[in-house]
């Protein structure tokens, strides 16, 4: 039976994979097998180059939780599964030990800015333009284009391969008075708006990908941060914890740090 096509109604699938290497097995490989494994992984990455899906990105783990990491992007679920099997098959049997994985999908936030939101901001914000005037319509058209582009790249990200990646899963709390899901929509949207404002301060320093995983994995969202240095990762995570949406309602999983490296550089870095 052929594997069925399993697309999403919108967005793409994303999978984070983390592995340790069995160094004893690796040291016992026949001559030339390490180089052959690198060539196989290079072929997998070349077949899934991005910048959008399909894409396979490779990383060196830092900090002891993993030696090697991959982030996979695919439009259809069976394609993502094939990418995962191809990555694993590139390595000699028994040398790659799974330590952590996370499956999620790109999605539009529930609180995404609507056309009515844009109109209110133009009318009552800094510009205070009058609806129906040419200036208002021009401002609305420009704002709508930016918002449409934001929604497109939120669903179909084209992440730049910045020097390092931080990944962590998170959920919203359901603890008694601090139950995120007991708040009404307007209260949640207002809290998330303030949270997003903090994130925008790091434009050019942090490239952020938020993916949804409710019903898919153990947490509700996966947060992937690409950065040029570790300072900015530390700074944005620290600063955001003072936002009420995080201080009261945020629940975090483990954090993973990795250096972005294509296969040849990964082999050299890990001494393979």
C-alpha atoms as a PDB file:
ATOM      1  CA  UNK A   1       0.000   0.000   0.000  1.00  0.00           C
ATOM      2  CA  UNK A   2       1.368   3.410  -0.953  1.00  0.00           C
ATOM      3  CA  UNK A   3       1.819   5.984   1.803  1.00  0.00           C
ATOM      4  CA  UNK A   4      -1.068   8.474   1.449  1.00  0.00           C
ATOM      5  CA  UNK A   5      -0.515  12.183   0.898  1.00  0.00           C
ATOM      6  CA  UNK A   6      -1.289  13.993   4.164  1.00  0.00           C
ATOM      7  CA  UNK A   7      -1.246  17.780   3.654  1.00  0.00           C
ATOM      8  CA  UNK A   8      -2.321  20.473   6.105  1.00  0.00           C
ATOM      9  CA  UNK A   9      -5.220  22.775   5.319  1.00  0.00           C
ATOM     10  CA  UNK A  10      -2.765  25.639   5.909  1.00  0.00           C
ATOM     11  CA  UNK A  11       0.889  25.888   6.884  1.00  0.00           C
ATOM     12  CA  UNK A  12       3.626  23.257   6.935  1.00  0.00           C
ATOM     13  CA  UNK A  13       4.999  20.565   9.252  1.00  0.00           C
ATOM     14  CA  UNK A  14       8.127  21.163  11.339  1.00  0.00           C
ATOM     15  CA  UNK A  15      10.174  18.593  13.246  1.00  0.00           C
ATOM     16  CA  UNK A  16      13.137  19.132  15.600  1.00  0.00           C
ATOM     17  CA  UNK A  17      15.396  16.097  16.059  1.00  0.00           C
ATOM     18  CA  UNK A  18      18.245  15.749  18.567  1.00  0.00           C
ATOM     19  CA  UNK A  19      20.769  12.900  18.749  1.00  0.00           C
ATOM     20  CA  UNK A  20      23.872  11.737  20.555  1.00  0.00           C
ATOM     21  CA  UNK A  21      26.622   9.880  18.723  1.00  0.00           C
ATOM     22  CA  UNK A  22      27.834   6.489  19.925  1.00  0.00           C
ATOM     23  CA  UNK A  23      31.534   7.363  19.768  1.00  0.00           C
ATOM     24  CA  UNK A  24      32.657   3.766  20.383  1.00  0.00           C
ATOM     25  CA  UNK A  25      30.669   2.495  17.386  1.00  0.00           C
ATOM     26  CA  UNK A  26      31.852   5.455  15.320  1.00  0.00           C
ATOM     27  CA  UNK A  27      35.504   4.729  16.121  1.00  0.00           C
ATOM     28  CA  UNK A  28      35.000   1.144  14.966  1.00  0.00           C
ATOM     29  CA  UNK A  29      33.617   2.074  11.541  1.00  0.00           C
ATOM     30  CA  UNK A  30      35.443   0.721   8.512  1.00  0.00           C
ATOM     31  CA  UNK A  31      37.763   3.114   6.704  1.00  0.00           C
ATOM     32  CA  UNK A  32      35.851   5.549   4.510  1.00  0.00           C
ATOM     33  CA  UNK A  33      32.473   4.997   6.189  1.00  0.00           C
ATOM     34  CA  UNK A  34      32.526   8.338   8.029  1.00  0.00           C
ATOM     35  CA  UNK A  35      33.146  10.198   4.765  1.00  0.00           C
ATOM     36  CA  UNK A  36      30.421   8.162   3.063  1.00  0.00           C
ATOM     37  CA  UNK A  37      27.955   9.057   5.832  1.00  0.00           C
ATOM     38  CA  UNK A  38      28.755  12.744   5.397  1.00  0.00           C
ATOM     39  CA  UNK A  39      28.115  12.484   1.659  1.00  0.00           C
ATOM     40  CA  UNK A  40      24.778  10.791   2.305  1.00  0.00           C
ATOM     41  CA  UNK A  41      23.733  13.567   4.688  1.00  0.00           C
ATOM     42  CA  UNK A  42      24.894  16.223   2.216  1.00  0.00           C
ATOM     43  CA  UNK A  43      22.649  14.590  -0.394  1.00  0.00           C
ATOM     44  CA  UNK A  44      19.655  14.715   1.977  1.00  0.00           C
ATOM     45  CA  UNK A  45      20.241  18.416   2.703  1.00  0.00           C
ATOM     46  CA  UNK A  46      20.787  19.195  -0.984  1.00  0.00           C
ATOM     47  CA  UNK A  47      17.495  17.478  -1.845  1.00  0.00           C
ATOM     48  CA  UNK A  48      15.722  19.651   0.745  1.00  0.00           C
ATOM     49  CA  UNK A  49      17.434  23.038   0.395  1.00  0.00           C
ATOM     50  CA  UNK A  50      14.702  25.519   1.338  1.00  0.00           C
ATOM     51  CA  UNK A  51      14.522  28.423   1.967  1.00  0.00           C
ATOM     52  CA  UNK A  52      10.931  27.253   2.600  1.00  0.00           C
ATOM     53  CA  UNK A  53       9.669  23.667   2.630  1.00  0.00           C
ATOM     54  CA  UNK A  54      11.050  21.175   1.845  1.00  0.00           C
ATOM     55  CA  UNK A  55      14.103  21.895   3.963  1.00  0.00           C
ATOM     56  CA  UNK A  56      16.552  20.030   6.204  1.00  0.00           C
ATOM     57  CA  UNK A  57      18.856  22.112   8.435  1.00  0.00           C
ATOM     58  CA  UNK A  58      21.747  20.596  10.410  1.00  0.00           C
ATOM     59  CA  UNK A  59      23.312  21.742  13.687  1.00  0.00           C
ATOM     60  CA  UNK A  60      25.912  20.841  16.297  1.00  0.00           C
ATOM     61  CA  UNK A  61      24.426  20.618  19.783  1.00  0.00           C
ATOM     62  CA  UNK A  62      26.103  22.587  22.580  1.00  0.00           C
ATOM     63  CA  UNK A  63      25.840  21.863  26.298  1.00  0.00           C
ATOM     64  CA  UNK A  64      25.689  18.069  26.504  1.00  0.00           C
ATOM     65  CA  UNK A  65      22.022  17.354  25.694  1.00  0.00           C
ATOM     66  CA  UNK A  66      22.775  16.382  22.094  1.00  0.00           C
ATOM     67  CA  UNK A  67      25.683  16.134  19.655  1.00  0.00           C
ATOM     68  CA  UNK A  68      23.703  16.687  16.461  1.00  0.00           C
ATOM     69  CA  UNK A  69      20.373  18.359  15.704  1.00  0.00           C
ATOM     70  CA  UNK A  70      18.166  18.751  12.652  1.00  0.00           C
ATOM     71  CA  UNK A  71      15.136  20.869  11.829  1.00  0.00           C
ATOM     72  CA  UNK A  72      12.889  19.520   9.084  1.00  0.00           C
ATOM     73  CA  UNK A  73      10.278  21.507   7.130  1.00  0.00           C
ATOM     74  CA  UNK A  74       7.743  19.770   4.877  1.00  0.00           C
ATOM     75  CA  UNK A  75       4.355  20.578   3.337  1.00  0.00           C
ATOM     76  CA  UNK A  76       3.003  17.049   3.774  1.00  0.00           C
ATOM     77  CA  UNK A  77       3.320  14.676   6.726  1.00  0.00           C
ATOM     78  CA  UNK A  78       4.573  11.715   4.730  1.00  0.00           C
ATOM     79  CA  UNK A  79       7.260  13.967   3.236  1.00  0.00           C
ATOM     80  CA  UNK A  80       8.398  14.945   6.738  1.00  0.00           C
ATOM     81  CA  UNK A  81       8.514  11.285   7.722  1.00  0.00           C
ATOM     82  CA  UNK A  82      10.620  10.506   4.629  1.00  0.00           C
ATOM     83  CA  UNK A  83      13.017  13.337   5.530  1.00  0.00           C
ATOM     84  CA  UNK A  84      13.422  11.942   9.040  1.00  0.00           C
ATOM     85  CA  UNK A  85      14.132   8.424   7.740  1.00  0.00           C
ATOM     86  CA  UNK A  86      16.614   9.781   5.204  1.00  0.00           C
ATOM     87  CA  UNK A  87      18.504  11.715   7.901  1.00  0.00           C
ATOM     88  CA  UNK A  88      18.667   8.627  10.136  1.00  0.00           C
ATOM     89  CA  UNK A  89      19.663   6.349   7.262  1.00  0.00           C
ATOM     90  CA  UNK A  90      22.586   8.636   6.381  1.00  0.00           C
ATOM     91  CA  UNK A  91      24.340   7.483   9.553  1.00  0.00           C
ATOM     92  CA  UNK A  92      25.794   3.996  10.061  1.00  0.00           C
ATOM     93  CA  UNK A  93      23.444   1.704  12.056  1.00  0.00           C
ATOM     94  CA  UNK A  94      23.695   2.122  15.814  1.00  0.00           C
ATOM     95  CA  UNK A  95      25.775   5.303  15.747  1.00  0.00           C
ATOM     96  CA  UNK A  96      22.882   7.761  16.145  1.00  0.00           C
ATOM     97  CA  UNK A  97      21.008   7.738  19.489  1.00  0.00           C
ATOM     98  CA  UNK A  98      17.766   9.784  19.699  1.00  0.00           C
ATOM     99  CA  UNK A  99      17.618  12.075  22.743  1.00  0.00           C
ATOM    100  CA  UNK A 100      14.719  14.457  21.987  1.00  0.00           C
ATOM    101  CA  UNK A 101      12.264  15.220  19.214  1.00  0.00           C
ATOM    102  CA  UNK A 102       9.450  17.687  18.700  1.00  0.00           C
ATOM    103  CA  UNK A 103       6.716  17.684  16.069  1.00  0.00           C
ATOM    104  CA  UNK A 104       4.674  20.810  15.334  1.00  0.00           C
ATOM    105  CA  UNK A 105       3.081  22.814  12.534  1.00  0.00           C
ATOM    106  CA  UNK A 106       3.183  26.442  11.468  1.00  0.00           C
ATOM    107  CA  UNK A 107      -0.005  28.316  12.277  1.00  0.00           C
ATOM    108  CA  UNK A 108      -1.527  31.755  12.440  1.00  0.00           C
ATOM    109  CA  UNK A 109      -1.933  32.974  16.005  1.00  0.00           C
ATOM    110  CA  UNK A 110      -5.475  33.181  17.312  1.00  0.00           C
ATOM    111  CA  UNK A 111      -4.808  36.850  17.991  1.00  0.00           C
ATOM    112  CA  UNK A 112      -3.562  37.805  14.530  1.00  0.00           C
ATOM    113  CA  UNK A 113      -4.324  41.398  13.529  1.00  0.00           C
ATOM    114  CA  UNK A 114      -7.558  41.713  11.532  1.00  0.00           C
ATOM    115  CA  UNK A 115      -8.545  44.306   8.931  1.00  0.00           C
ATOM    116  CA  UNK A 116     -10.798  45.928  11.525  1.00  0.00           C
ATOM    117  CA  UNK A 117      -7.839  46.120  13.929  1.00  0.00           C
ATOM    118  CA  UNK A 118      -5.799  47.869  11.224  1.00  0.00           C
ATOM    119  CA  UNK A 119      -8.564  50.377  10.557  1.00  0.00           C
ATOM    120  CA  UNK A 120      -8.879  51.187  14.260  1.00  0.00           C
ATOM    121  CA  UNK A 121      -5.126  51.668  14.611  1.00  0.00           C
ATOM    122  CA  UNK A 122      -5.006  54.026  11.631  1.00  0.00           C
ATOM    123  CA  UNK A 123      -8.001  56.018  12.838  1.00  0.00           C
ATOM    124  CA  UNK A 124      -7.124  56.208  16.536  1.00  0.00           C
ATOM    125  CA  UNK A 125      -3.340  55.678  16.571  1.00  0.00           C
ATOM    126  CA  UNK A 126      -0.560  58.169  15.908  1.00  0.00           C
ATOM    127  CA  UNK A 127      -1.798  59.188  12.463  1.00  0.00           C
ATOM    128  CA  UNK A 128      -5.477  59.630  13.434  1.00  0.00           C
ATOM    129  CA  UNK A 129      -6.631  59.566   9.830  1.00  0.00           C
ATOM    130  CA  UNK A 130     -10.265  59.917   8.896  1.00  0.00           C
ATOM    131  CA  UNK A 131     -11.889  56.826   7.288  1.00  0.00           C
ATOM    132  CA  UNK A 132     -12.843  57.300   3.656  1.00  0.00           C
ATOM    133  CA  UNK A 133     -10.079  59.799   2.904  1.00  0.00           C
ATOM    134  CA  UNK A 134      -7.326  59.023   0.350  1.00  0.00           C
ATOM    135  CA  UNK A 135      -4.703  59.193   3.120  1.00  0.00           C
ATOM    136  CA  UNK A 136      -6.619  56.657   5.215  1.00  0.00           C
ATOM    137  CA  UNK A 137      -7.102  54.258   2.310  1.00  0.00           C
ATOM    138  CA  UNK A 138      -3.417  54.479   1.349  1.00  0.00           C
ATOM    139  CA  UNK A 139      -2.335  53.825   4.939  1.00  0.00           C
ATOM    140  CA  UNK A 140      -4.760  50.903   5.212  1.00  0.00           C
ATOM    141  CA  UNK A 141      -3.556  49.345   1.937  1.00  0.00           C
ATOM    142  CA  UNK A 142       0.082  49.529   3.083  1.00  0.00           C
ATOM    143  CA  UNK A 143      -0.757  48.104   6.528  1.00  0.00           C
ATOM    144  CA  UNK A 144      -2.832  45.286   5.016  1.00  0.00           C
ATOM    145  CA  UNK A 145       0.021  44.339   2.667  1.00  0.00           C
ATOM    146  CA  UNK A 146       2.441  44.130   5.608  1.00  0.00           C
ATOM    147  CA  UNK A 147      -0.052  42.078   7.591  1.00  0.00           C
ATOM    148  CA  UNK A 148      -0.684  39.698   4.675  1.00  0.00           C
ATOM    149  CA  UNK A 149       3.076  39.213   4.239  1.00  0.00           C
ATOM    150  CA  UNK A 150       3.419  38.515   7.959  1.00  0.00           C
ATOM    151  CA  UNK A 151       0.687  35.859   7.765  1.00  0.00           C
ATOM    152  CA  UNK A 152       2.258  34.260   4.681  1.00  0.00           C
ATOM    153  CA  UNK A 153       5.708  33.947   6.252  1.00  0.00           C
ATOM    154  CA  UNK A 154       4.208  32.800   9.542  1.00  0.00           C
ATOM    155  CA  UNK A 155       2.684  29.856   7.652  1.00  0.00           C
ATOM    156  CA  UNK A 156       5.552  29.381   5.163  1.00  0.00           C
ATOM    157  CA  UNK A 157       8.725  30.499   6.965  1.00  0.00           C
ATOM    158  CA  UNK A 158      11.993  31.112   5.155  1.00  0.00           C
ATOM    159  CA  UNK A 159      14.389  31.111   8.098  1.00  0.00           C
ATOM    160  CA  UNK A 160      17.854  32.525   7.555  1.00  0.00           C
ATOM    161  CA  UNK A 161      20.629  30.192   8.703  1.00  0.00           C
ATOM    162  CA  UNK A 162      21.976  32.474  11.437  1.00  0.00           C
ATOM    163  CA  UNK A 163      24.865  31.251  13.528  1.00  0.00           C
ATOM    164  CA  UNK A 164      22.950  29.624  16.365  1.00  0.00           C
ATOM    165  CA  UNK A 165      19.565  28.203  17.222  1.00  0.00           C
ATOM    166  CA  UNK A 166      17.705  27.987  20.517  1.00  0.00           C
ATOM    167  CA  UNK A 167      14.670  25.725  20.774  1.00  0.00           C
ATOM    168  CA  UNK A 168      12.253  25.163  23.645  1.00  0.00           C
ATOM    169  CA  UNK A 169       8.671  23.936  24.010  1.00  0.00           C
ATOM    170  CA  UNK A 170       6.108  25.744  26.148  1.00  0.00           C
ATOM    171  CA  UNK A 171       2.474  25.710  27.213  1.00  0.00           C
ATOM    172  CA  UNK A 172       0.022  28.054  28.893  1.00  0.00           C
ATOM    173  CA  UNK A 173      -0.843  27.288  32.521  1.00  0.00           C
ATOM    174  CA  UNK A 174      -4.203  25.982  33.715  1.00  0.00           C
ATOM    175  CA  UNK A 175      -3.539  26.433  37.444  1.00  0.00           C
ATOM    176  CA  UNK A 176      -6.534  27.725  39.415  1.00  0.00           C
ATOM    177  CA  UNK A 177      -6.428  31.547  39.184  1.00  0.00           C
ATOM    178  CA  UNK A 178      -3.671  31.375  36.574  1.00  0.00           C
ATOM    179  CA  UNK A 179      -5.675  29.468  33.987  1.00  0.00           C
ATOM    180  CA  UNK A 180      -4.990  31.015  30.582  1.00  0.00           C
ATOM    181  CA  UNK A 181      -7.993  29.288  29.058  1.00  0.00           C
ATOM    182  CA  UNK A 182     -10.411  30.795  31.566  1.00  0.00           C
ATOM    183  CA  UNK A 183      -9.632  34.325  30.295  1.00  0.00           C
ATOM    184  CA  UNK A 184     -11.888  35.818  27.657  1.00  0.00           C
ATOM    185  CA  UNK A 185     -10.583  36.427  24.144  1.00  0.00           C
ATOM    186  CA  UNK A 186     -10.082  40.188  24.485  1.00  0.00           C
ATOM    187  CA  UNK A 187      -8.005  39.762  27.657  1.00  0.00           C
ATOM    188  CA  UNK A 188      -5.817  37.116  26.019  1.00  0.00           C
ATOM    189  CA  UNK A 189      -5.382  39.229  22.878  1.00  0.00           C
ATOM    190  CA  UNK A 190      -4.331  42.268  24.914  1.00  0.00           C
ATOM    191  CA  UNK A 191      -1.749  40.252  26.871  1.00  0.00           C
ATOM    192  CA  UNK A 192      -0.345  38.705  23.692  1.00  0.00           C
ATOM    193  CA  UNK A 193      -0.132  42.142  22.061  1.00  0.00           C
ATOM    194  CA  UNK A 194       2.163  43.349  24.834  1.00  0.00           C
ATOM    195  CA  UNK A 195       4.237  40.179  24.503  1.00  0.00           C
ATOM    196  CA  UNK A 196       4.624  40.732  20.750  1.00  0.00           C
ATOM    197  CA  UNK A 197       5.727  44.325  21.377  1.00  0.00           C
ATOM    198  CA  UNK A 198       8.645  43.013  23.450  1.00  0.00           C
ATOM    199  CA  UNK A 199       9.588  40.627  20.648  1.00  0.00           C
ATOM    200  CA  UNK A 200       9.634  43.398  18.034  1.00  0.00           C
ATOM    201  CA  UNK A 201      12.406  45.155  19.981  1.00  0.00           C
ATOM    202  CA  UNK A 202      14.711  42.318  18.892  1.00  0.00           C
ATOM    203  CA  UNK A 203      14.141  42.704  15.144  1.00  0.00           C
ATOM    204  CA  UNK A 204      17.450  42.062  13.372  1.00  0.00           C
ATOM    205  CA  UNK A 205      18.832  40.342  16.474  1.00  0.00           C
ATOM    206  CA  UNK A 206      16.425  37.426  16.801  1.00  0.00           C
ATOM    207  CA  UNK A 207      14.569  35.580  14.049  1.00  0.00           C
ATOM    208  CA  UNK A 208      11.663  33.778  15.676  1.00  0.00           C
ATOM    209  CA  UNK A 209       9.526  30.842  14.594  1.00  0.00           C
ATOM    210  CA  UNK A 210       6.513  29.834  16.707  1.00  0.00           C
ATOM    211  CA  UNK A 211       4.881  26.524  15.792  1.00  0.00           C
ATOM    212  CA  UNK A 212       1.777  24.898  17.238  1.00  0.00           C
ATOM    213  CA  UNK A 213       1.687  21.408  18.718  1.00  0.00           C
ATOM    214  CA  UNK A 214      -1.610  21.057  20.604  1.00  0.00           C
ATOM    215  CA  UNK A 215      -2.710  17.459  20.084  1.00  0.00           C
ATOM    216  CA  UNK A 216       0.553  16.735  18.242  1.00  0.00           C
ATOM    217  CA  UNK A 217       3.266  16.684  20.925  1.00  0.00           C
ATOM    218  CA  UNK A 218       3.600  17.012  24.709  1.00  0.00           C
ATOM    219  CA  UNK A 219       3.558  20.813  24.824  1.00  0.00           C
ATOM    220  CA  UNK A 220       1.356  23.395  23.093  1.00  0.00           C
ATOM    221  CA  UNK A 221       3.979  25.381  21.162  1.00  0.00           C
ATOM    222  CA  UNK A 222       7.549  25.081  19.986  1.00  0.00           C
ATOM    223  CA  UNK A 223       9.689  28.227  20.033  1.00  0.00           C
ATOM    224  CA  UNK A 224      12.683  28.378  17.687  1.00  0.00           C
ATOM    225  CA  UNK A 225      15.019  31.367  17.964  1.00  0.00           C
ATOM    226  CA  UNK A 226      17.788  31.994  15.443  1.00  0.00           C
ATOM    227  CA  UNK A 227      20.421  34.508  16.534  1.00  0.00           C
ATOM    228  CA  UNK A 228      23.927  35.784  15.839  1.00  0.00           C
ATOM    229  CA  UNK A 229      25.064  35.416  19.454  1.00  0.00           C
ATOM    230  CA  UNK A 230      23.877  33.864  22.691  1.00  0.00           C
ATOM    231  CA  UNK A 231      23.516  37.216  24.467  1.00  0.00           C
ATOM    232  CA  UNK A 232      20.410  38.100  22.499  1.00  0.00           C
ATOM    233  CA  UNK A 233      18.783  34.721  23.155  1.00  0.00           C
ATOM    234  CA  UNK A 234      19.344  35.185  26.876  1.00  0.00           C
ATOM    235  CA  UNK A 235      18.139  38.794  26.735  1.00  0.00           C
ATOM    236  CA  UNK A 236      14.873  38.160  24.875  1.00  0.00           C
ATOM    237  CA  UNK A 237      13.891  35.163  26.983  1.00  0.00           C
ATOM    238  CA  UNK A 238      14.709  37.041  30.185  1.00  0.00           C
ATOM    239  CA  UNK A 239      12.870  40.202  29.176  1.00  0.00           C
ATOM    240  CA  UNK A 240       9.792  38.341  27.993  1.00  0.00           C
ATOM    241  CA  UNK A 241       9.461  36.626  31.364  1.00  0.00           C
ATOM    242  CA  UNK A 242       8.442  39.987  32.820  1.00  0.00           C
ATOM    243  CA  UNK A 243       5.478  40.192  30.440  1.00  0.00           C
ATOM    244  CA  UNK A 244       2.342  39.149  32.334  1.00  0.00           C
ATOM    245  CA  UNK A 245       1.482  36.595  29.679  1.00  0.00           C
ATOM    246  CA  UNK A 246       4.699  34.742  30.593  1.00  0.00           C
ATOM    247  CA  UNK A 247       5.085  35.679  34.265  1.00  0.00           C
ATOM    248  CA  UNK A 248       1.597  34.404  35.124  1.00  0.00           C
ATOM    249  CA  UNK A 249       0.790  31.916  32.417  1.00  0.00           C
ATOM    250  CA  UNK A 250       4.025  30.619  30.844  1.00  0.00           C
ATOM    251  CA  UNK A 251       5.187  27.031  31.425  1.00  0.00           C
ATOM    252  CA  UNK A 252       8.532  26.106  29.804  1.00  0.00           C
ATOM    253  CA  UNK A 253      10.143  22.855  28.747  1.00  0.00           C
ATOM    254  CA  UNK A 254      13.864  22.135  28.225  1.00  0.00           C
ATOM    255  CA  UNK A 255      16.076  24.542  26.297  1.00  0.00           C
ATOM    256  CA  UNK A 256      18.385  23.339  23.496  1.00  0.00           C
ATOM    257  CA  UNK A 257      21.243  25.400  22.035  1.00  0.00           C
ATOM    258  CA  UNK A 258      22.916  24.463  18.756  1.00  0.00           C
ATOM    259  CA  UNK A 259      25.342  25.920  16.218  1.00  0.00           C
ATOM    260  CA  UNK A 260      24.174  26.059  12.590  1.00  0.00           C
ATOM    261  CA  UNK A 261      26.557  23.940  10.482  1.00  0.00           C
ATOM    262  CA  UNK A 262      26.209  22.230   7.086  1.00  0.00           C
ATOM    263  CA  UNK A 263      27.313  18.567   7.034  1.00  0.00           C
ATOM    264  CA  UNK A 264      30.981  19.096   6.045  1.00  0.00           C
ATOM    265  CA  UNK A 265      31.474  21.716   8.763  1.00  0.00           C
ATOM    266  CA  UNK A 266      29.520  19.568  11.210  1.00  0.00           C
ATOM    267  CA  UNK A 267      31.892  16.645  10.593  1.00  0.00           C
ATOM    268  CA  UNK A 268      34.933  18.863  11.079  1.00  0.00           C
ATOM    269  CA  UNK A 269      33.490  20.442  14.245  1.00  0.00           C
ATOM    270  CA  UNK A 270      32.640  17.070  15.832  1.00  0.00           C
ATOM    271  CA  UNK A 271      35.873  15.404  14.699  1.00  0.00           C
ATOM    272  CA  UNK A 272      34.105  12.723  12.705  1.00  0.00           C
END
